Amino acid sequence: MPHHVVLALVLFIAVLLSTALTALAASGHFPLEHRAISLRSGVGRAILFGACVVSALSLAVGIAMAWVILPWPAAVIGAGAAVLAAPLLLRPLPDAFVNGRAALVAFASASALLALGLVSLR
């Protein structure tokens, strides 16, 4: 594979991984009774749902770019590896980080920046 395709594959896997980490971090805050105190306020809800929207849009952009740039077998294998690796990478992180706002903001921001990097390769 050409070098730009390898870089696109790495960025695509990273977008999927950060999106999966966002989804895992957000899943612990549903239903409302299980939500952290810092995410029950208006700003907290905006962070929670905003992180989900940013990650979903980043995933859509990543898939669209992968569709154009990557060979489908590499994209499928990379996507599967990213989804399977996400819980293993989230486990060693501190509970205070994962259960608060920081994880949502960090993972959603990473998704957006990686998707932007993938778009810049086109």
PDB file of N, CA and C in Angstrom:
ATOM      1  N   MET A   1       0.837  -1.182   0.000  1.00  0.00           N
ATOM      2  CA  MET A   1       0.000   0.000   0.000  1.00  0.00           C
ATOM      3  C   MET A   1       0.883   1.247   0.000  1.00  0.00           C
ATOM      4  N   PRO A   2       0.447   2.276  -0.688  1.00  0.00           N
ATOM      5  CA  PRO A   2       1.180   3.546  -0.654  1.00  0.00           C
ATOM      6  C   PRO A   2       1.174   4.147   0.753  1.00  0.00           C
ATOM      7  N   HIS A   3       2.132   5.016   1.020  1.00  0.00           N
ATOM      8  CA  HIS A   3       2.287   5.587   2.353  1.00  0.00           C
ATOM      9  C   HIS A   3       1.071   6.390   2.804  1.00  0.00           C
ATOM     10  N   HIS A   4       0.437   7.135   1.885  1.00  0.00           N
ATOM     11  CA  HIS A   4      -0.732   7.926   2.290  1.00  0.00           C
ATOM     12  C   HIS A   4      -1.908   7.024   2.660  1.00  0.00           C
ATOM     13  N   VAL A   5      -1.994   5.846   2.071  1.00  0.00           N
ATOM     14  CA  VAL A   5      -3.070   4.913   2.412  1.00  0.00           C
ATOM     15  C   VAL A   5      -2.823   4.305   3.796  1.00  0.00           C
ATOM     16  N   VAL A   6      -1.577   4.008   4.102  1.00  0.00           N
ATOM     17  CA  VAL A   6      -1.242   3.483   5.430  1.00  0.00           C
ATOM     18  C   VAL A   6      -1.548   4.527   6.501  1.00  0.00           C
ATOM     19  N   LEU A   7      -1.190   5.778   6.240  1.00  0.00           N
ATOM     20  CA  LEU A   7      -1.500   6.847   7.190  1.00  0.00           C
ATOM     21  C   LEU A   7      -3.009   7.020   7.346  1.00  0.00           C
ATOM     22  N   ALA A   8      -3.744   6.931   6.251  1.00  0.00           N
ATOM     23  CA  ALA A   8      -5.205   7.026   6.325  1.00  0.00           C
ATOM     24  C   ALA A   8      -5.782   5.873   7.135  1.00  0.00           C
ATOM     25  N   LEU A   9      -5.226   4.678   6.991  1.00  0.00           N
ATOM     26  CA  LEU A   9      -5.699   3.531   7.763  1.00  0.00           C
ATOM     27  C   LEU A   9      -5.445   3.736   9.249  1.00  0.00           C
ATOM     28  N   VAL A  10      -4.284   4.234   9.596  1.00  0.00           N
ATOM     29  CA  VAL A  10      -3.968   4.491  11.006  1.00  0.00           C
ATOM     30  C   VAL A  10      -4.909   5.551  11.578  1.00  0.00           C
ATOM     31  N   LEU A  11      -5.164   6.608  10.835  1.00  0.00           N
ATOM     32  CA  LEU A  11      -6.085   7.654  11.306  1.00  0.00           C
ATOM     33  C   LEU A  11      -7.515   7.130  11.416  1.00  0.00           C
ATOM     34  N   PHE A  12      -7.925   6.296  10.470  1.00  0.00           N
ATOM     35  CA  PHE A  12      -9.271   5.721  10.518  1.00  0.00           C
ATOM     36  C   PHE A  12      -9.438   4.841  11.755  1.00  0.00           C
ATOM     37  N   ILE A  13      -8.448   4.015  12.027  1.00  0.00           N
ATOM     38  CA  ILE A  13      -8.502   3.161  13.221  1.00  0.00           C
ATOM     39  C   ILE A  13      -8.533   4.018  14.479  1.00  0.00           C
ATOM     40  N   ALA A  14      -7.759   5.083  14.502  1.00  0.00           N
ATOM     41  CA  ALA A  14      -7.740   5.970  15.666  1.00  0.00           C
ATOM     42  C   ALA A  14      -9.077   6.689  15.856  1.00  0.00           C
ATOM     43  N   VAL A  15      -9.717   7.101  14.762  1.00  0.00           N
ATOM     44  CA  VAL A  15     -11.046   7.723  14.863  1.00  0.00           C
ATOM     45  C   VAL A  15     -12.042   6.733  15.444  1.00  0.00           C
ATOM     46  N   LEU A  16     -12.030   5.523  14.941  1.00  0.00           N
ATOM     47  CA  LEU A  16     -12.944   4.505  15.469  1.00  0.00           C
ATOM     48  C   LEU A  16     -12.675   4.204  16.939  1.00  0.00           C
ATOM     49  N   LEU A  17     -11.409   4.125  17.291  1.00  0.00           N
ATOM     50  CA  LEU A  17     -11.048   3.841  18.674  1.00  0.00           C
ATOM     51  C   LEU A  17     -11.501   4.961  19.602  1.00  0.00           C
ATOM     52  N   SER A  18     -11.258   6.203  19.241  1.00  0.00           N
ATOM     53  CA  SER A  18     -11.673   7.311  20.104  1.00  0.00           C
ATOM     54  C   SER A  18     -13.193   7.434  20.168  1.00  0.00           C
ATOM     55  N   THR A  19     -13.874   7.113  19.079  1.00  0.00           N
ATOM     56  CA  THR A  19     -15.331   7.123  19.103  1.00  0.00           C
ATOM     57  C   THR A  19     -15.869   6.010  19.998  1.00  0.00           C
ATOM     58  N   ALA A  20     -15.268   4.843  19.926  1.00  0.00           N
ATOM     59  CA  ALA A  20     -15.690   3.741  20.793  1.00  0.00           C
ATOM     60  C   ALA A  20     -15.415   4.065  22.259  1.00  0.00           C
ATOM     61  N   LEU A  21     -14.302   4.718  22.543  1.00  0.00           N
ATOM     62  CA  LEU A  21     -14.014   5.124  23.921  1.00  0.00           C
ATOM     63  C   LEU A  21     -15.016   6.160  24.412  1.00  0.00           C
ATOM     64  N   THR A  22     -15.413   7.077  23.544  1.00  0.00           N
ATOM     65  CA  THR A  22     -16.448   8.046  23.917  1.00  0.00           C
ATOM     66  C   THR A  22     -17.752   7.342  24.234  1.00  0.00           C
ATOM     67  N   ALA A  23     -18.123   6.393  23.388  1.00  0.00           N
ATOM     68  CA  ALA A  23     -19.376   5.658  23.604  1.00  0.00           C
ATOM     69  C   ALA A  23     -19.332   4.866  24.910  1.00  0.00           C
ATOM     70  N   LEU A  24     -18.209   4.237  25.194  1.00  0.00           N
ATOM     71  CA  LEU A  24     -18.091   3.488  26.445  1.00  0.00           C
ATOM     72  C   LEU A  24     -18.132   4.409  27.656  1.00  0.00           C
ATOM     73  N   ALA A  25     -17.456   5.547  27.572  1.00  0.00           N
ATOM     74  CA  ALA A  25     -17.468   6.496  28.688  1.00  0.00           C
ATOM     75  C   ALA A  25     -18.869   7.073  28.893  1.00  0.00           C
ATOM     76  N   ALA A  26     -19.574   7.335  27.801  1.00  0.00           N
ATOM     77  CA  ALA A  26     -20.926   7.899  27.910  1.00  0.00           C
ATOM     78  C   ALA A  26     -21.936   6.856  28.377  1.00  0.00           C
ATOM     79  N   SER A  27     -21.718   5.603  28.060  1.00  0.00           N
ATOM     80  CA  SER A  27     -22.703   4.576  28.401  1.00  0.00           C
ATOM     81  C   SER A  27     -22.867   4.405  29.909  1.00  0.00           C
ATOM     82  N   GLY A  28     -21.864   4.754  30.676  1.00  0.00           N
ATOM     83  CA  GLY A  28     -21.972   4.661  32.125  1.00  0.00           C
ATOM     84  C   GLY A  28     -22.859   5.733  32.739  1.00  0.00           C
ATOM     85  N   HIS A  29     -23.300   6.699  31.964  1.00  0.00           N
ATOM     86  CA  HIS A  29     -24.111   7.801  32.478  1.00  0.00           C
ATOM     87  C   HIS A  29     -25.591   7.645  32.138  1.00  0.00           C
ATOM     88  N   PHE A  30     -25.986   6.488  31.698  1.00  0.00           N
ATOM     89  CA  PHE A  30     -27.390   6.226  31.374  1.00  0.00           C
ATOM     90  C   PHE A  30     -27.851   5.020  32.149  1.00  0.00           C
ATOM     91  N   PRO A  31     -29.032   5.024  32.713  1.00  0.00           N
ATOM     92  CA  PRO A  31     -30.058   6.055  32.742  1.00  0.00           C
ATOM     93  C   PRO A  31     -29.665   7.205  33.673  1.00  0.00           C
ATOM     94  N   LEU A  32     -30.546   8.167  33.787  1.00  0.00           N
ATOM     95  CA  LEU A  32     -30.280   9.398  34.529  1.00  0.00           C
ATOM     96  C   LEU A  32     -29.884   9.120  35.979  1.00  0.00           C
ATOM     97  N   GLU A  33     -30.442   8.090  36.575  1.00  0.00           N
ATOM     98  CA  GLU A  33     -30.150   7.794  37.981  1.00  0.00           C
ATOM     99  C   GLU A  33     -28.685   7.419  38.190  1.00  0.00           C
ATOM    100  N   HIS A  34     -28.021   6.916  37.166  1.00  0.00           N
ATOM    101  CA  HIS A  34     -26.636   6.499  37.274  1.00  0.00           C
ATOM    102  C   HIS A  34     -25.657   7.585  36.829  1.00  0.00           C
ATOM    103  N   ARG A  35     -26.168   8.714  36.411  1.00  0.00           N
ATOM    104  CA  ARG A  35     -25.327   9.791  35.896  1.00  0.00           C
ATOM    105  C   ARG A  35     -24.574  10.471  37.035  1.00  0.00           C
ATOM    106  N   ALA A  36     -23.327  10.833  36.767  1.00  0.00           N
ATOM    107  CA  ALA A  36     -22.513  11.540  37.752  1.00  0.00           C
ATOM    108  C   ALA A  36     -23.149  12.897  38.064  1.00  0.00           C
ATOM    109  N   ILE A  37     -22.919  13.363  39.261  1.00  0.00           N
ATOM    110  CA  ILE A  37     -23.500  14.640  39.696  1.00  0.00           C
ATOM    111  C   ILE A  37     -23.074  15.771  38.761  1.00  0.00           C
ATOM    112  N   SER A  38     -21.827  15.746  38.312  1.00  0.00           N
ATOM    113  CA  SER A  38     -21.330  16.828  37.452  1.00  0.00           C
ATOM    114  C   SER A  38     -21.987  16.836  36.073  1.00  0.00           C
ATOM    115  N   LEU A  39     -22.649  15.752  35.702  1.00  0.00           N
ATOM    116  CA  LEU A  39     -23.297  15.686  34.391  1.00  0.00           C
ATOM    117  C   LEU A  39     -24.815  15.808  34.471  1.00  0.00           C
ATOM    118  N   ARG A  40     -25.346  16.102  35.639  1.00  0.00           N
ATOM    119  CA  ARG A  40     -26.800  16.263  35.777  1.00  0.00           C
ATOM    120  C   ARG A  40     -27.260  17.695  35.533  1.00  0.00           C
ATOM    121  N   SER A  41     -26.343  18.631  35.576  1.00  0.00           N
ATOM    122  CA  SER A  41     -26.706  20.036  35.346  1.00  0.00           C
ATOM    123  C   SER A  41     -26.887  20.280  33.852  1.00  0.00           C
ATOM    124  N   GLY A  42     -27.298  21.475  33.510  1.00  0.00           N
ATOM    125  CA  GLY A  42     -27.482  21.829  32.108  1.00  0.00           C
ATOM    126  C   GLY A  42     -26.178  21.767  31.318  1.00  0.00           C
ATOM    127  N   VAL A  43     -25.108  22.276  31.924  1.00  0.00           N
ATOM    128  CA  VAL A  43     -23.802  22.231  31.263  1.00  0.00           C
ATOM    129  C   VAL A  43     -23.331  20.786  31.144  1.00  0.00           C
ATOM    130  N   GLY A  44     -23.571  20.005  32.176  1.00  0.00           N
ATOM    131  CA  GLY A  44     -23.177  18.605  32.150  1.00  0.00           C
ATOM    132  C   GLY A  44     -23.897  17.829  31.061  1.00  0.00           C
ATOM    133  N   ARG A  45     -25.190  18.071  30.921  1.00  0.00           N
ATOM    134  CA  ARG A  45     -25.949  17.414  29.839  1.00  0.00           C
ATOM    135  C   ARG A  45     -25.442  17.853  28.478  1.00  0.00           C
ATOM    136  N   ALA A  46     -25.110  19.129  28.351  1.00  0.00           N
ATOM    137  CA  ALA A  46     -24.573  19.621  27.079  1.00  0.00           C
ATOM    138  C   ALA A  46     -23.245  18.947  26.757  1.00  0.00           C
ATOM    139  N   ILE A  47     -22.409  18.756  27.760  1.00  0.00           N
ATOM    140  CA  ILE A  47     -21.133  18.072  27.539  1.00  0.00           C
ATOM    141  C   ILE A  47     -21.374  16.625  27.155  1.00  0.00           C
ATOM    142  N   LEU A  48     -22.259  15.947  27.866  1.00  0.00           N
ATOM    143  CA  LEU A  48     -22.531  14.534  27.598  1.00  0.00           C
ATOM    144  C   LEU A  48     -23.083  14.331  26.188  1.00  0.00           C
ATOM    145  N   PHE A  49     -24.136  15.034  25.861  1.00  0.00           N
ATOM    146  CA  PHE A  49     -24.746  14.842  24.549  1.00  0.00           C
ATOM    147  C   PHE A  49     -23.927  15.494  23.436  1.00  0.00           C
ATOM    148  N   GLY A  50     -23.242  16.586  23.740  1.00  0.00           N
ATOM    149  CA  GLY A  50     -22.370  17.208  22.754  1.00  0.00           C
ATOM    150  C   GLY A  50     -21.203  16.298  22.380  1.00  0.00           C
ATOM    151  N   ALA A  51     -20.632  15.631  23.372  1.00  0.00           N
ATOM    152  CA  ALA A  51     -19.536  14.691  23.095  1.00  0.00           C
ATOM    153  C   ALA A  51     -20.030  13.544  22.221  1.00  0.00           C
ATOM    154  N   CYS A  52     -21.236  13.079  22.481  1.00  0.00           N
ATOM    155  CA  CYS A  52     -21.801  12.002  21.662  1.00  0.00           C
ATOM    156  C   CYS A  52     -22.024  12.459  20.223  1.00  0.00           C
ATOM    157  N   VAL A  53     -22.523  13.669  20.050  1.00  0.00           N
ATOM    158  CA  VAL A  53     -22.769  14.197  18.700  1.00  0.00           C
ATOM    159  C   VAL A  53     -21.452  14.423  17.957  1.00  0.00           C
ATOM    160  N   VAL A  54     -20.471  15.013  18.625  1.00  0.00           N
ATOM    161  CA  VAL A  54     -19.167  15.255  17.989  1.00  0.00           C
ATOM    162  C   VAL A  54     -18.533  13.938  17.574  1.00  0.00           C
ATOM    163  N   SER A  55     -18.594  12.942  18.433  1.00  0.00           N
ATOM    164  CA  SER A  55     -18.013  11.644  18.098  1.00  0.00           C
ATOM    165  C   SER A  55     -18.756  10.974  16.953  1.00  0.00           C
ATOM    166  N   ALA A  56     -20.080  11.076  16.956  1.00  0.00           N
ATOM    167  CA  ALA A  56     -20.855  10.477  15.863  1.00  0.00           C
ATOM    168  C   ALA A  56     -20.550  11.149  14.527  1.00  0.00           C
ATOM    169  N   LEU A  57     -20.450  12.466  14.533  1.00  0.00           N
ATOM    170  CA  LEU A  57     -20.097  13.176  13.296  1.00  0.00           C
ATOM    171  C   LEU A  57     -18.682  12.833  12.841  1.00  0.00           C
ATOM    172  N   SER A  58     -17.770  12.723  13.784  1.00  0.00           N
ATOM    173  CA  SER A  58     -16.398  12.344  13.442  1.00  0.00           C
ATOM    174  C   SER A  58     -16.351  10.943  12.854  1.00  0.00           C
ATOM    175  N   LEU A  59     -17.144  10.044  13.409  1.00  0.00           N
ATOM    176  CA  LEU A  59     -17.215   8.685  12.879  1.00  0.00           C
ATOM    177  C   LEU A  59     -17.778   8.688  11.463  1.00  0.00           C
ATOM    178  N   ALA A  60     -18.806   9.481  11.226  1.00  0.00           N
ATOM    179  CA  ALA A  60     -19.388   9.568   9.879  1.00  0.00           C
ATOM    180  C   ALA A  60     -18.368  10.102   8.875  1.00  0.00           C
ATOM    181  N   VAL A  61     -17.631  11.123   9.268  1.00  0.00           N
ATOM    182  CA  VAL A  61     -16.590  11.674   8.394  1.00  0.00           C
ATOM    183  C   VAL A  61     -15.495  10.641   8.159  1.00  0.00           C
ATOM    184  N   GLY A  62     -15.100   9.946   9.220  1.00  0.00           N
ATOM    185  CA  GLY A  62     -14.071   8.924   9.094  1.00  0.00           C
ATOM    186  C   GLY A  62     -14.478   7.793   8.167  1.00  0.00           C
ATOM    187  N   ILE A  63     -15.718   7.354   8.280  1.00  0.00           N
ATOM    188  CA  ILE A  63     -16.209   6.286   7.401  1.00  0.00           C
ATOM    189  C   ILE A  63     -16.278   6.775   5.959  1.00  0.00           C
ATOM    190  N   ALA A  64     -16.735   8.005   5.759  1.00  0.00           N
ATOM    191  CA  ALA A  64     -16.817   8.548   4.402  1.00  0.00           C
ATOM    192  C   ALA A  64     -15.430   8.646   3.763  1.00  0.00           C
ATOM    193  N   MET A  65     -14.455   9.085   4.524  1.00  0.00           N
ATOM    194  CA  MET A  65     -13.096   9.196   3.988  1.00  0.00           C
ATOM    195  C   MET A  65     -12.483   7.815   3.760  1.00  0.00           C
ATOM    196  N   ALA A  66     -12.754   6.892   4.663  1.00  0.00           N
ATOM    197  CA  ALA A  66     -12.228   5.533   4.495  1.00  0.00           C
ATOM    198  C   ALA A  66     -12.825   4.874   3.264  1.00  0.00           C
ATOM    199  N   TRP A  67     -14.084   5.146   3.007  1.00  0.00           N
ATOM    200  CA  TRP A  67     -14.764   4.588   1.840  1.00  0.00           C
ATOM    201  C   TRP A  67     -14.065   5.009   0.550  1.00  0.00           C
ATOM    202  N   VAL A  68     -13.568   6.237   0.534  1.00  0.00           N
ATOM    203  CA  VAL A  68     -12.922   6.778  -0.656  1.00  0.00           C
ATOM    204  C   VAL A  68     -11.457   6.338  -0.760  1.00  0.00           C
ATOM    205  N   ILE A  69     -10.753   6.303   0.363  1.00  0.00           N
ATOM    206  CA  ILE A  69      -9.303   6.126   0.344  1.00  0.00           C
ATOM    207  C   ILE A  69      -8.862   4.672   0.529  1.00  0.00           C
ATOM    208  N   LEU A  70      -9.497   3.965   1.454  1.00  0.00           N
ATOM    209  CA  LEU A  70      -8.977   2.673   1.896  1.00  0.00           C
ATOM    210  C   LEU A  70      -9.562   1.494   1.133  1.00  0.00           C
ATOM    211  N   PRO A  71      -8.773   0.436   0.977  1.00  0.00           N
ATOM    212  CA  PRO A  71      -9.340  -0.813   0.485  1.00  0.00           C
ATOM    213  C   PRO A  71     -10.228  -1.408   1.588  1.00  0.00           C
ATOM    214  N   TRP A  72     -11.375  -1.960   1.208  1.00  0.00           N
ATOM    215  CA  TRP A  72     -12.346  -2.361   2.222  1.00  0.00           C
ATOM    216  C   TRP A  72     -11.844  -3.453   3.155  1.00  0.00           C
ATOM    217  N   PRO A  73     -11.039  -4.438   2.727  1.00  0.00           N
ATOM    218  CA  PRO A  73     -10.584  -5.428   3.707  1.00  0.00           C
ATOM    219  C   PRO A  73      -9.752  -4.804   4.836  1.00  0.00           C
ATOM    220  N   ALA A  74      -8.892  -3.866   4.487  1.00  0.00           N
ATOM    221  CA  ALA A  74      -8.080  -3.205   5.510  1.00  0.00           C
ATOM    222  C   ALA A  74      -8.961  -2.387   6.451  1.00  0.00           C
ATOM    223  N   ALA A  75      -9.962  -1.713   5.918  1.00  0.00           N
ATOM    224  CA  ALA A  75     -10.859  -0.904   6.741  1.00  0.00           C
ATOM    225  C   ALA A  75     -11.668  -1.780   7.703  1.00  0.00           C
ATOM    226  N   VAL A  76     -12.148  -2.914   7.235  1.00  0.00           N
ATOM    227  CA  VAL A  76     -12.950  -3.798   8.091  1.00  0.00           C
ATOM    228  C   VAL A  76     -12.096  -4.396   9.201  1.00  0.00           C
ATOM    229  N   ILE A  77     -10.908  -4.856   8.859  1.00  0.00           N
ATOM    230  CA  ILE A  77     -10.026  -5.439   9.868  1.00  0.00           C
ATOM    231  C   ILE A  77      -9.601  -4.382  10.884  1.00  0.00           C
ATOM    232  N   GLY A  78      -9.249  -3.198  10.421  1.00  0.00           N
ATOM    233  CA  GLY A  78      -8.864  -2.126  11.323  1.00  0.00           C
ATOM    234  C   GLY A  78     -10.003  -1.694  12.226  1.00  0.00           C
ATOM    235  N   ALA A  79     -11.207  -1.603  11.675  1.00  0.00           N
ATOM    236  CA  ALA A  79     -12.367  -1.212  12.476  1.00  0.00           C
ATOM    237  C   ALA A  79     -12.650  -2.249  13.558  1.00  0.00           C
ATOM    238  N   GLY A  80     -12.570  -3.509  13.190  1.00  0.00           N
ATOM    239  CA  GLY A  80     -12.793  -4.567  14.181  1.00  0.00           C
ATOM    240  C   GLY A  80     -11.764  -4.536  15.290  1.00  0.00           C
ATOM    241  N   ALA A  81     -10.518  -4.309  14.933  1.00  0.00           N
ATOM    242  CA  ALA A  81      -9.463  -4.228  15.946  1.00  0.00           C
ATOM    243  C   ALA A  81      -9.688  -3.048  16.886  1.00  0.00           C
ATOM    244  N   ALA A  82     -10.120  -1.913  16.348  1.00  0.00           N
ATOM    245  CA  ALA A  82     -10.360  -0.729  17.182  1.00  0.00           C
ATOM    246  C   ALA A  82     -11.511  -0.957  18.155  1.00  0.00           C
ATOM    247  N   VAL A  83     -12.580  -1.563  17.680  1.00  0.00           N
ATOM    248  CA  VAL A  83     -13.744  -1.796  18.543  1.00  0.00           C
ATOM    249  C   VAL A  83     -13.413  -2.813  19.637  1.00  0.00           C
ATOM    250  N   LEU A  84     -12.644  -3.820  19.289  1.00  0.00           N
ATOM    251  CA  LEU A  84     -12.264  -4.822  20.285  1.00  0.00           C
ATOM    252  C   LEU A  84     -11.255  -4.287  21.300  1.00  0.00           C
ATOM    253  N   ALA A  85     -10.420  -3.354  20.894  1.00  0.00           N
ATOM    254  CA  ALA A  85      -9.394  -2.816  21.786  1.00  0.00           C
ATOM    255  C   ALA A  85      -9.925  -1.759  22.753  1.00  0.00           C
ATOM    256  N   ALA A  86     -11.031  -1.118  22.422  1.00  0.00           N
ATOM    257  CA  ALA A  86     -11.528   0.004  23.232  1.00  0.00           C
ATOM    258  C   ALA A  86     -11.770  -0.361  24.700  1.00  0.00           C
ATOM    259  N   PRO A  87     -12.489  -1.439  25.017  1.00  0.00           N
ATOM    260  CA  PRO A  87     -12.684  -1.741  26.442  1.00  0.00           C
ATOM    261  C   PRO A  87     -11.384  -2.056  27.176  1.00  0.00           C
ATOM    262  N   LEU A  88     -10.450  -2.669  26.476  1.00  0.00           N
ATOM    263  CA  LEU A  88      -9.169  -2.995  27.100  1.00  0.00           C
ATOM    264  C   LEU A  88      -8.357  -1.743  27.405  1.00  0.00           C
ATOM    265  N   LEU A  89      -8.483  -0.720  26.568  1.00  0.00           N
ATOM    266  CA  LEU A  89      -7.767   0.531  26.801  1.00  0.00           C
ATOM    267  C   LEU A  89      -8.454   1.411  27.840  1.00  0.00           C
ATOM    268  N   LEU A  90      -9.757   1.269  27.995  1.00  0.00           N
ATOM    269  CA  LEU A  90     -10.491   2.090  28.959  1.00  0.00           C
ATOM    270  C   LEU A  90     -10.328   1.558  30.384  1.00  0.00           C
ATOM    271  N   ARG A  91     -10.154   0.262  30.531  1.00  0.00           N
ATOM    272  CA  ARG A  91     -10.105  -0.362  31.855  1.00  0.00           C
ATOM    273  C   ARG A  91      -9.025   0.201  32.774  1.00  0.00           C
ATOM    274  N   PRO A  92      -7.777   0.395  32.320  1.00  0.00           N
ATOM    275  CA  PRO A  92      -6.763   0.878  33.274  1.00  0.00           C
ATOM    276  C   PRO A  92      -6.860   2.364  33.632  1.00  0.00           C
ATOM    277  N   LEU A  93      -7.713   3.105  32.964  1.00  0.00           N
ATOM    278  CA  LEU A  93      -7.843   4.534  33.266  1.00  0.00           C
ATOM    279  C   LEU A  93      -8.542   4.718  34.614  1.00  0.00           C
ATOM    280  N   PRO A  94      -8.207   5.772  35.343  1.00  0.00           N
ATOM    281  CA  PRO A  94      -8.827   5.999  36.664  1.00  0.00           C
ATOM    282  C   PRO A  94     -10.338   6.228  36.549  1.00  0.00           C
ATOM    283  N   ASP A  95     -11.066   5.723  37.534  1.00  0.00           N
ATOM    284  CA  ASP A  95     -12.520   5.869  37.536  1.00  0.00           C
ATOM    285  C   ASP A  95     -12.945   7.331  37.577  1.00  0.00           C
ATOM    286  N   ALA A  96     -12.210   8.159  38.280  1.00  0.00           N
ATOM    287  CA  ALA A  96     -12.558   9.585  38.360  1.00  0.00           C
ATOM    288  C   ALA A  96     -12.494  10.232  36.979  1.00  0.00           C
ATOM    289  N   PHE A  97     -11.567   9.797  36.151  1.00  0.00           N
ATOM    290  CA  PHE A  97     -11.454  10.325  34.789  1.00  0.00           C
ATOM    291  C   PHE A  97     -12.583   9.802  33.917  1.00  0.00           C
ATOM    292  N   VAL A  98     -12.813   8.511  33.934  1.00  0.00           N
ATOM    293  CA  VAL A  98     -13.800   7.882  33.049  1.00  0.00           C
ATOM    294  C   VAL A  98     -15.220   8.288  33.420  1.00  0.00           C
ATOM    295  N   ASN A  99     -15.507   8.443  34.703  1.00  0.00           N
ATOM    296  CA  ASN A  99     -16.871   8.740  35.145  1.00  0.00           C
ATOM    297  C   ASN A  99     -17.192  10.223  35.165  1.00  0.00           C
ATOM    298  N   GLY A 100     -16.262  11.062  34.803  1.00  0.00           N
ATOM    299  CA  GLY A 100     -16.492  12.499  34.819  1.00  0.00           C
ATOM    300  C   GLY A 100     -16.570  13.092  33.426  1.00  0.00           C
ATOM    301  N   ARG A 101     -16.450  14.412  33.395  1.00  0.00           N
ATOM    302  CA  ARG A 101     -16.522  15.146  32.133  1.00  0.00           C
ATOM    303  C   ARG A 101     -15.257  15.004  31.297  1.00  0.00           C
ATOM    304  N   ALA A 102     -14.139  14.795  31.950  1.00  0.00           N
ATOM    305  CA  ALA A 102     -12.844  14.837  31.265  1.00  0.00           C
ATOM    306  C   ALA A 102     -12.736  13.787  30.168  1.00  0.00           C
ATOM    307  N   ALA A 103     -13.182  12.581  30.432  1.00  0.00           N
ATOM    308  CA  ALA A 103     -13.085  11.524  29.423  1.00  0.00           C
ATOM    309  C   ALA A 103     -13.934  11.859  28.206  1.00  0.00           C
ATOM    310  N   LEU A 104     -15.136  12.351  28.437  1.00  0.00           N
ATOM    311  CA  LEU A 104     -16.020  12.690  27.320  1.00  0.00           C
ATOM    312  C   LEU A 104     -15.404  13.780  26.442  1.00  0.00           C
ATOM    313  N   VAL A 105     -14.887  14.811  27.084  1.00  0.00           N
ATOM    314  CA  VAL A 105     -14.288  15.915  26.334  1.00  0.00           C
ATOM    315  C   VAL A 105     -13.024  15.452  25.618  1.00  0.00           C
ATOM    316  N   ALA A 106     -12.192  14.679  26.293  1.00  0.00           N
ATOM    317  CA  ALA A 106     -10.929  14.237  25.701  1.00  0.00           C
ATOM    318  C   ALA A 106     -11.156  13.314  24.511  1.00  0.00           C
ATOM    319  N   PHE A 107     -12.018  12.329  24.676  1.00  0.00           N
ATOM    320  CA  PHE A 107     -12.231  11.364  23.596  1.00  0.00           C
ATOM    321  C   PHE A 107     -12.976  11.984  22.418  1.00  0.00           C
ATOM    322  N   ALA A 108     -13.949  12.853  22.684  1.00  0.00           N
ATOM    323  CA  ALA A 108     -14.671  13.512  21.586  1.00  0.00           C
ATOM    324  C   ALA A 108     -13.753  14.481  20.844  1.00  0.00           C
ATOM    325  N   SER A 109     -12.914  15.186  21.576  1.00  0.00           N
ATOM    326  CA  SER A 109     -11.956  16.093  20.924  1.00  0.00           C
ATOM    327  C   SER A 109     -10.962  15.312  20.074  1.00  0.00           C
ATOM    328  N   ALA A 110     -10.498  14.198  20.590  1.00  0.00           N
ATOM    329  CA  ALA A 110      -9.577  13.359  19.816  1.00  0.00           C
ATOM    330  C   ALA A 110     -10.252  12.846  18.551  1.00  0.00           C
ATOM    331  N   SER A 111     -11.510  12.450  18.657  1.00  0.00           N
ATOM    332  CA  SER A 111     -12.244  11.990  17.471  1.00  0.00           C
ATOM    333  C   SER A 111     -12.318  13.078  16.411  1.00  0.00           C
ATOM    334  N   ALA A 112     -12.643  14.275  16.846  1.00  0.00           N
ATOM    335  CA  ALA A 112     -12.772  15.383  15.892  1.00  0.00           C
ATOM    336  C   ALA A 112     -11.434  15.723  15.245  1.00  0.00           C
ATOM    337  N   LEU A 113     -10.382  15.771  16.031  1.00  0.00           N
ATOM    338  CA  LEU A 113      -9.065  16.102  15.470  1.00  0.00           C
ATOM    339  C   LEU A 113      -8.564  15.017  14.523  1.00  0.00           C
ATOM    340  N   LEU A 114      -8.804  13.771  14.865  1.00  0.00           N
ATOM    341  CA  LEU A 114      -8.370  12.674  13.985  1.00  0.00           C
ATOM    342  C   LEU A 114      -9.175  12.666  12.690  1.00  0.00           C
ATOM    343  N   ALA A 115     -10.464  12.946  12.790  1.00  0.00           N
ATOM    344  CA  ALA A 115     -11.276  13.018  11.568  1.00  0.00           C
ATOM    345  C   ALA A 115     -10.832  14.178  10.692  1.00  0.00           C
ATOM    346  N   LEU A 116     -10.469  15.285  11.298  1.00  0.00           N
ATOM    347  CA  LEU A 116      -9.941  16.416  10.547  1.00  0.00           C
ATOM    348  C   LEU A 116      -8.630  16.041   9.848  1.00  0.00           C
ATOM    349  N   GLY A 117      -7.799  15.291  10.536  1.00  0.00           N
ATOM    350  CA  GLY A 117      -6.556  14.814   9.928  1.00  0.00           C
ATOM    351  C   GLY A 117      -6.810  13.889   8.772  1.00  0.00           C
ATOM    352  N   LEU A 118      -7.832  13.059   8.881  1.00  0.00           N
ATOM    353  CA  LEU A 118      -8.190  12.146   7.803  1.00  0.00           C
ATOM    354  C   LEU A 118      -8.725  12.907   6.602  1.00  0.00           C
ATOM    355  N   VAL A 119      -9.489  13.954   6.856  1.00  0.00           N
ATOM    356  CA  VAL A 119     -10.020  14.782   5.756  1.00  0.00           C
ATOM    357  C   VAL A 119      -8.875  15.504   5.050  1.00  0.00           C
ATOM    358  N   SER A 120      -7.879  15.910   5.804  1.00  0.00           N
ATOM    359  CA  SER A 120      -6.768  16.647   5.188  1.00  0.00           C
ATOM    360  C   SER A 120      -5.921  15.766   4.263  1.00  0.00           C
ATOM    361  N   LEU A 121      -6.029  14.449   4.391  1.00  0.00           N
ATOM    362  CA  LEU A 121      -5.296  13.557   3.495  1.00  0.00           C
ATOM    363  C   LEU A 121      -5.925  13.490   2.101  1.00  0.00           C
ATOM    364  N   ARG A 122      -7.177  13.777   2.017  1.00  0.00           N
ATOM    365  CA  ARG A 122      -7.911  13.676   0.736  1.00  0.00           C
ATOM    366  C   ARG A 122      -7.465  14.724  -0.159  1.00  0.00           C
TER     367      ARG A 122
END
